């Protein structure tokens, strides 16, 4: 089964719908933050976002960012959000959004595309694998702002 959707760049009017989608995945994001991100990150040379809209409203969203690589020519495409409303999953919406993001990345000289997905999102992992993504590497995360004397958080350089 396939749900007919149109993809378009989100506008500030879409902020409440995007907050609702983010809430479905457990993220509590203030509408003001979503508005700022729509204005700053939805349609630049290195940042894009699309909403998937059906006759019933917005049913999906994706955001992607291009990061220049220092060690190689080109960019890394980084998908930072992919959300499909729970009652629209399994109807091709996620695949349509992913293909749009991939086309943008490949057309922008990306060497590779990556995304992260919580360990508990097993259905999403299966979906990404069906699209040709592979589990690779390990991600290390540190939350919060660095303290005033952040140098103590860095190990000494080898040989010092």
C-alpha atoms as a PDB file:
ATOM      1  CA  UNK A   1       0.000   0.000   0.000  1.00  0.00           C
ATOM      2  CA  UNK A   2       1.231   3.491  -0.774  1.00  0.00           C
ATOM      3  CA  UNK A   3       0.129   6.845   0.550  1.00  0.00           C
ATOM      4  CA  UNK A   4       0.134   9.709  -1.921  1.00  0.00           C
ATOM      5  CA  UNK A   5       2.235  12.586  -0.575  1.00  0.00           C
ATOM      6  CA  UNK A   6       3.737  15.787  -1.890  1.00  0.00           C
ATOM      7  CA  UNK A   7       7.171  16.841  -0.655  1.00  0.00           C
ATOM      8  CA  UNK A   8       7.919  20.491   0.003  1.00  0.00           C
ATOM      9  CA  UNK A   9      10.162  22.698   2.105  1.00  0.00           C
ATOM     10  CA  UNK A  10       8.597  23.367   5.505  1.00  0.00           C
ATOM     11  CA  UNK A  11       7.371  26.843   6.357  1.00  0.00           C
ATOM     12  CA  UNK A  12       6.797  28.503   9.727  1.00  0.00           C
ATOM     13  CA  UNK A  13       3.114  27.541   9.476  1.00  0.00           C
ATOM     14  CA  UNK A  14       4.237  23.888   9.747  1.00  0.00           C
ATOM     15  CA  UNK A  15       5.923  24.324  13.141  1.00  0.00           C
ATOM     16  CA  UNK A  16       3.013  22.959  15.255  1.00  0.00           C
ATOM     17  CA  UNK A  17       2.751  19.848  13.061  1.00  0.00           C
ATOM     18  CA  UNK A  18       6.511  19.264  13.311  1.00  0.00           C
ATOM     19  CA  UNK A  19       6.413  19.650  17.107  1.00  0.00           C
ATOM     20  CA  UNK A  20       3.672  17.006  17.129  1.00  0.00           C
ATOM     21  CA  UNK A  21       5.746  14.649  14.976  1.00  0.00           C
ATOM     22  CA  UNK A  22       8.808  15.127  17.183  1.00  0.00           C
ATOM     23  CA  UNK A  23       6.666  14.371  20.246  1.00  0.00           C
ATOM     24  CA  UNK A  24       5.667  11.029  18.695  1.00  0.00           C
ATOM     25  CA  UNK A  25       9.321  10.009  18.850  1.00  0.00           C
ATOM     26  CA  UNK A  26       9.730  11.207  22.420  1.00  0.00           C
ATOM     27  CA  UNK A  27      11.393  14.563  21.751  1.00  0.00           C
ATOM     28  CA  UNK A  28      10.151  17.608  23.609  1.00  0.00           C
ATOM     29  CA  UNK A  29      11.120  20.515  21.370  1.00  0.00           C
ATOM     30  CA  UNK A  30       9.702  24.008  21.937  1.00  0.00           C
ATOM     31  CA  UNK A  31       7.847  25.443  18.969  1.00  0.00           C
ATOM     32  CA  UNK A  32      10.204  28.453  19.046  1.00  0.00           C
ATOM     33  CA  UNK A  33      13.143  26.128  18.388  1.00  0.00           C
ATOM     34  CA  UNK A  34      11.344  24.477  15.482  1.00  0.00           C
ATOM     35  CA  UNK A  35      10.501  27.915  14.034  1.00  0.00           C
ATOM     36  CA  UNK A  36      14.150  29.000  14.260  1.00  0.00           C
ATOM     37  CA  UNK A  37      15.309  25.778  12.635  1.00  0.00           C
ATOM     38  CA  UNK A  38      12.806  26.124   9.794  1.00  0.00           C
ATOM     39  CA  UNK A  39      14.030  29.649   9.132  1.00  0.00           C
ATOM     40  CA  UNK A  40      17.742  28.791   9.369  1.00  0.00           C
ATOM     41  CA  UNK A  41      18.076  25.192   8.220  1.00  0.00           C
ATOM     42  CA  UNK A  42      15.241  24.271   5.885  1.00  0.00           C
ATOM     43  CA  UNK A  43      16.644  25.500   2.578  1.00  0.00           C
ATOM     44  CA  UNK A  44      20.294  26.549   2.443  1.00  0.00           C
ATOM     45  CA  UNK A  45      23.149  25.364   0.252  1.00  0.00           C
ATOM     46  CA  UNK A  46      24.175  22.851   2.942  1.00  0.00           C
ATOM     47  CA  UNK A  47      20.971  22.248   4.908  1.00  0.00           C
ATOM     48  CA  UNK A  48      17.631  20.993   3.652  1.00  0.00           C
ATOM     49  CA  UNK A  49      14.364  19.789   5.072  1.00  0.00           C
ATOM     50  CA  UNK A  50      11.190  18.450   3.527  1.00  0.00           C
ATOM     51  CA  UNK A  51       7.742  17.672   4.833  1.00  0.00           C
ATOM     52  CA  UNK A  52       5.570  14.961   3.335  1.00  0.00           C
ATOM     53  CA  UNK A  53       2.025  16.195   3.048  1.00  0.00           C
ATOM     54  CA  UNK A  54      -1.040  14.095   2.284  1.00  0.00           C
ATOM     55  CA  UNK A  55      -4.669  15.116   2.058  1.00  0.00           C
ATOM     56  CA  UNK A  56      -4.834  14.666   5.840  1.00  0.00           C
ATOM     57  CA  UNK A  57      -1.909  17.038   6.512  1.00  0.00           C
ATOM     58  CA  UNK A  58       1.774  16.598   7.292  1.00  0.00           C
ATOM     59  CA  UNK A  59       2.610  12.935   7.785  1.00  0.00           C
ATOM     60  CA  UNK A  60       6.415  13.021   7.638  1.00  0.00           C
ATOM     61  CA  UNK A  61       9.554  15.105   7.866  1.00  0.00           C
ATOM     62  CA  UNK A  62      13.261  14.761   7.070  1.00  0.00           C
ATOM     63  CA  UNK A  63      16.272  17.038   7.591  1.00  0.00           C
ATOM     64  CA  UNK A  64      19.743  16.639   6.125  1.00  0.00           C
ATOM     65  CA  UNK A  65      22.979  18.596   6.444  1.00  0.00           C
ATOM     66  CA  UNK A  66      26.178  18.593   4.400  1.00  0.00           C
ATOM     67  CA  UNK A  67      29.392  18.581   6.402  1.00  0.00           C
ATOM     68  CA  UNK A  68      32.668  19.295   4.597  1.00  0.00           C
ATOM     69  CA  UNK A  69      35.256  16.558   5.033  1.00  0.00           C
ATOM     70  CA  UNK A  70      38.795  17.543   5.969  1.00  0.00           C
ATOM     71  CA  UNK A  71      40.418  14.208   5.111  1.00  0.00           C
ATOM     72  CA  UNK A  72      38.747  13.726   1.717  1.00  0.00           C
ATOM     73  CA  UNK A  73      37.130  15.737  -1.051  1.00  0.00           C
ATOM     74  CA  UNK A  74      33.402  16.266  -0.866  1.00  0.00           C
ATOM     75  CA  UNK A  75      30.922  16.152   1.964  1.00  0.00           C
ATOM     76  CA  UNK A  76      29.330  13.889   4.490  1.00  0.00           C
ATOM     77  CA  UNK A  77      25.535  13.890   4.226  1.00  0.00           C
ATOM     78  CA  UNK A  78      24.042  13.703   7.702  1.00  0.00           C
ATOM     79  CA  UNK A  79      20.348  12.913   8.117  1.00  0.00           C
ATOM     80  CA  UNK A  80      19.410  14.391  11.476  1.00  0.00           C
ATOM     81  CA  UNK A  81      15.657  13.802  11.514  1.00  0.00           C
ATOM     82  CA  UNK A  82      13.330  11.336   9.858  1.00  0.00           C
ATOM     83  CA  UNK A  83       9.850  11.089  11.278  1.00  0.00           C
ATOM     84  CA  UNK A  84       6.730   9.492   9.833  1.00  0.00           C
ATOM     85  CA  UNK A  85       3.451   9.801  11.714  1.00  0.00           C
ATOM     86  CA  UNK A  86       2.673   6.453  13.330  1.00  0.00           C
ATOM     87  CA  UNK A  87      -0.582   5.948  11.398  1.00  0.00           C
ATOM     88  CA  UNK A  88       1.224   6.578   8.076  1.00  0.00           C
ATOM     89  CA  UNK A  89       4.167   4.186   8.560  1.00  0.00           C
ATOM     90  CA  UNK A  90       4.543   1.308   6.149  1.00  0.00           C
ATOM     91  CA  UNK A  91       2.994   3.281   3.292  1.00  0.00           C
ATOM     92  CA  UNK A  92       6.125   4.509   1.468  1.00  0.00           C
ATOM     93  CA  UNK A  93       6.361   7.923   3.143  1.00  0.00           C
ATOM     94  CA  UNK A  94       9.722   7.242   4.805  1.00  0.00           C
ATOM     95  CA  UNK A  95      11.178   5.842   1.588  1.00  0.00           C
ATOM     96  CA  UNK A  96      10.008   8.867  -0.380  1.00  0.00           C
ATOM     97  CA  UNK A  97      11.608  11.231   2.142  1.00  0.00           C
ATOM     98  CA  UNK A  98      14.840   9.217   2.249  1.00  0.00           C
ATOM     99  CA  UNK A  99      15.137   9.184  -1.540  1.00  0.00           C
ATOM    100  CA  UNK A 100      14.694  12.962  -1.621  1.00  0.00           C
ATOM    101  CA  UNK A 101      17.447  13.433   0.970  1.00  0.00           C
ATOM    102  CA  UNK A 102      19.747  10.959  -0.784  1.00  0.00           C
ATOM    103  CA  UNK A 103      19.258  12.678  -4.140  1.00  0.00           C
ATOM    104  CA  UNK A 104      20.221  15.992  -2.510  1.00  0.00           C
ATOM    105  CA  UNK A 105      23.329  14.449  -0.933  1.00  0.00           C
ATOM    106  CA  UNK A 106      24.548  12.589  -4.007  1.00  0.00           C
ATOM    107  CA  UNK A 107      23.919  15.675  -6.143  1.00  0.00           C
ATOM    108  CA  UNK A 108      26.010  17.745  -3.703  1.00  0.00           C
ATOM    109  CA  UNK A 109      29.208  15.645  -3.926  1.00  0.00           C
ATOM    110  CA  UNK A 110      28.704  13.657  -0.748  1.00  0.00           C
ATOM    111  CA  UNK A 111      31.134  10.790  -0.256  1.00  0.00           C
ATOM    112  CA  UNK A 112      28.686   9.037   2.039  1.00  0.00           C
ATOM    113  CA  UNK A 113      25.433   9.520   3.926  1.00  0.00           C
ATOM    114  CA  UNK A 114      24.983   8.671   7.573  1.00  0.00           C
ATOM    115  CA  UNK A 115      22.339   8.784  10.259  1.00  0.00           C
ATOM    116  CA  UNK A 116      21.933   7.602  13.796  1.00  0.00           C
ATOM    117  CA  UNK A 117      19.061   5.692  15.269  1.00  0.00           C
ATOM    118  CA  UNK A 118      18.394   4.796  18.888  1.00  0.00           C
ATOM    119  CA  UNK A 119      19.167   1.191  19.834  1.00  0.00           C
ATOM    120  CA  UNK A 120      15.507   0.666  20.755  1.00  0.00           C
ATOM    121  CA  UNK A 121      14.211   1.580  17.260  1.00  0.00           C
ATOM    122  CA  UNK A 122      14.502  -1.880  15.723  1.00  0.00           C
ATOM    123  CA  UNK A 123      11.854  -1.291  13.037  1.00  0.00           C
ATOM    124  CA  UNK A 124      13.727   1.819  11.901  1.00  0.00           C
ATOM    125  CA  UNK A 125      16.983  -0.166  11.734  1.00  0.00           C
ATOM    126  CA  UNK A 126      15.339  -2.734   9.468  1.00  0.00           C
ATOM    127  CA  UNK A 127      13.991   0.089   7.285  1.00  0.00           C
ATOM    128  CA  UNK A 128      17.463   1.683   6.935  1.00  0.00           C
ATOM    129  CA  UNK A 129      19.040  -1.670   6.105  1.00  0.00           C
ATOM    130  CA  UNK A 130      16.428  -2.209   3.369  1.00  0.00           C
ATOM    131  CA  UNK A 131      17.590   1.103   1.879  1.00  0.00           C
ATOM    132  CA  UNK A 132      21.204  -0.103   1.806  1.00  0.00           C
ATOM    133  CA  UNK A 133      22.512   1.499   4.997  1.00  0.00           C
ATOM    134  CA  UNK A 134      24.901  -0.575   7.110  1.00  0.00           C
ATOM    135  CA  UNK A 135      25.839  -0.439  10.761  1.00  0.00           C
ATOM    136  CA  UNK A 136      29.347   0.967  10.872  1.00  0.00           C
ATOM    137  CA  UNK A 137      31.635   2.453  13.465  1.00  0.00           C
ATOM    138  CA  UNK A 138      30.804   3.561  16.987  1.00  0.00           C
ATOM    139  CA  UNK A 139      29.425   6.899  18.152  1.00  0.00           C
ATOM    140  CA  UNK A 140      30.652   8.688  21.264  1.00  0.00           C
ATOM    141  CA  UNK A 141      28.489  11.444  22.735  1.00  0.00           C
ATOM    142  CA  UNK A 142      29.111  14.038  25.410  1.00  0.00           C
ATOM    143  CA  UNK A 143      26.190  16.211  26.503  1.00  0.00           C
ATOM    144  CA  UNK A 144      26.215  19.692  27.973  1.00  0.00           C
ATOM    145  CA  UNK A 145      28.337  22.802  27.742  1.00  0.00           C
ATOM    146  CA  UNK A 146      32.042  22.526  28.520  1.00  0.00           C
ATOM    147  CA  UNK A 147      33.188  23.900  31.885  1.00  0.00           C
ATOM    148  CA  UNK A 148      35.145  27.158  31.998  1.00  0.00           C
ATOM    149  CA  UNK A 149      38.412  25.229  32.136  1.00  0.00           C
ATOM    150  CA  UNK A 150      37.588  22.600  29.538  1.00  0.00           C
ATOM    151  CA  UNK A 151      41.237  21.762  28.820  1.00  0.00           C
ATOM    152  CA  UNK A 152      41.209  19.341  31.754  1.00  0.00           C
ATOM    153  CA  UNK A 153      38.739  17.203  29.773  1.00  0.00           C
ATOM    154  CA  UNK A 154      41.268  16.479  27.028  1.00  0.00           C
ATOM    155  CA  UNK A 155      43.955  13.844  27.419  1.00  0.00           C
ATOM    156  CA  UNK A 156      47.555  14.810  26.862  1.00  0.00           C
ATOM    157  CA  UNK A 157      48.841  14.437  23.333  1.00  0.00           C
ATOM    158  CA  UNK A 158      50.813  11.259  22.722  1.00  0.00           C
ATOM    159  CA  UNK A 159      54.502  11.784  23.458  1.00  0.00           C
ATOM    160  CA  UNK A 160      53.991  14.646  25.942  1.00  0.00           C
END
